Amino acid sequence: MPKLVKYSSGEKINVLFTDVIELLLTAGFAAKEQKLAVVQKASIKLDVLKFFLQVVWELKALNNKQFAELSQSLVEVGKMLGGWQRQLNK
């Protein structure tokens, strides 16, 4: 990544990745009554992460291959989170 993007959007992306992982681990160990709220928060953070990655890609700080690989993984995580939310809503 170029220096300018690396220390602005790049840092934000790193923090969001860490936040999503932390929330997923927290949800895994949370009491049943609290799981849904934590999973929803993780889902929101994941959407924000996807948005920032798209911005960085549009700024040409990520090449198409890098963006495709990251996007594919994040879409899969999003599907899992959606399934988890549906299960918790039942």
Protein backbone atom coordinates (compact mmCIF):
# COMPACT_ATOMS: atom_id res chain seq x y z
CA MET A 1 0.00 0.00 0.00
CA PRO A 2 1.18 3.52 -0.64
CA LYS A 3 2.36 5.34 2.48
CA LEU A 4 -0.53 7.80 2.57
CA VAL A 5 -3.18 5.07 2.44
CA LYS A 6 -1.20 2.73 4.69
CA TYR A 7 -1.23 5.11 7.62
CA SER A 8 -4.82 6.28 7.24
CA SER A 9 -7.28 3.86 5.69
CA GLY A 10 -4.86 0.96 6.03
CA GLU A 11 -4.64 1.46 9.77
CA LYS A 12 -8.43 1.72 10.02
CA ILE A 13 -8.74 -1.58 8.11
CA ASN A 14 -6.29 -3.27 10.49
CA VAL A 15 -8.30 -2.07 13.49
CA LEU A 16 -11.56 -3.25 11.92
CA PHE A 17 -10.11 -6.71 11.18
CA THR A 18 -9.01 -6.97 14.81
CA ASP A 19 -12.39 -5.74 16.07
CA VAL A 20 -14.30 -8.29 13.99
CA ILE A 21 -12.11 -11.14 15.25
CA GLU A 22 -12.47 -9.93 18.83
CA LEU A 23 -16.26 -9.70 18.53
CA LEU A 24 -16.51 -13.17 16.99
CA LEU A 25 -14.49 -14.66 19.83
CA THR A 26 -16.55 -12.73 22.37
CA ALA A 27 -19.79 -13.97 20.80
CA GLY A 28 -18.55 -17.53 20.98
CA PHE A 29 -18.10 -17.27 24.73
CA ALA A 30 -20.97 -14.89 25.52
CA ALA A 31 -24.06 -15.92 27.45
CA LYS A 32 -26.99 -16.91 25.23
CA GLU A 33 -28.86 -13.66 26.00
CA GLN A 34 -25.90 -11.54 24.87
CA LYS A 35 -24.82 -13.47 21.78
CA LEU A 36 -27.25 -11.86 19.33
CA ALA A 37 -26.15 -8.32 20.21
CA VAL A 38 -22.47 -9.22 19.84
CA VAL A 39 -23.03 -11.04 16.53
CA GLN A 40 -24.98 -8.04 15.19
CA LYS A 41 -22.16 -5.72 16.22
CA ALA A 42 -19.65 -8.00 14.46
CA SER A 43 -21.81 -7.95 11.34
CA ILE A 44 -21.87 -4.16 11.32
CA LYS A 45 -18.09 -3.98 11.78
CA LEU A 46 -17.67 -6.47 8.94
CA ASP A 47 -19.78 -4.28 6.63
CA VAL A 48 -17.69 -1.24 7.55
CA LEU A 49 -14.53 -3.27 6.88
CA LYS A 50 -15.83 -4.26 3.44
CA PHE A 51 -16.60 -0.61 2.70
CA PHE A 52 -13.10 0.57 3.62
CA LEU A 53 -11.52 -2.21 1.58
CA GLN A 54 -13.55 -1.15 -1.43
CA VAL A 55 -12.46 2.47 -0.96
CA VAL A 56 -8.81 1.43 -0.77
CA TRP A 57 -9.25 -0.73 -3.90
CA GLU A 58 -10.88 2.17 -5.76
CA LEU A 59 -7.90 4.33 -4.80
CA LYS A 60 -5.75 1.65 -6.46
CA ALA A 61 -3.93 0.88 -3.21
CA LEU A 62 -4.94 -2.79 -3.58
CA ASN A 63 -4.68 -4.68 -6.83
CA ASN A 64 -7.60 -6.68 -8.20
CA LYS A 65 -6.22 -10.03 -7.02
CA GLN A 66 -5.71 -8.83 -3.43
CA PHE A 67 -9.15 -7.25 -3.35
CA ALA A 68 -10.82 -10.36 -4.79
CA GLU A 69 -9.15 -12.67 -2.26
CA LEU A 70 -10.05 -10.46 0.69
CA SER A 71 -13.59 -9.88 -0.55
CA GLN A 72 -14.23 -13.56 -1.10
CA SER A 73 -13.17 -14.39 2.46
CA LEU A 74 -15.20 -11.54 3.94
CA VAL A 75 -18.30 -12.54 2.00
CA GLU A 76 -17.96 -16.05 3.41
CA VAL A 77 -17.62 -14.69 6.95
CA GLY A 78 -20.68 -12.52 6.31
CA LYS A 79 -22.70 -15.57 5.26
CA MET A 80 -21.67 -17.39 8.43
CA LEU A 81 -22.61 -14.38 10.56
CA GLY A 82 -25.99 -14.15 8.83
CA GLY A 83 -26.65 -17.82 9.57
CA TRP A 84 -25.61 -17.33 13.16
CA GLN A 85 -27.98 -14.36 13.50
CA ARG A 86 -30.89 -16.32 12.02
CA GLN A 87 -30.22 -19.19 14.42
CA LEU A 88 -30.13 -16.84 17.40
CA ASN A 89 -33.36 -15.11 16.33
CA LYS A 90 -35.29 -18.41 16.44
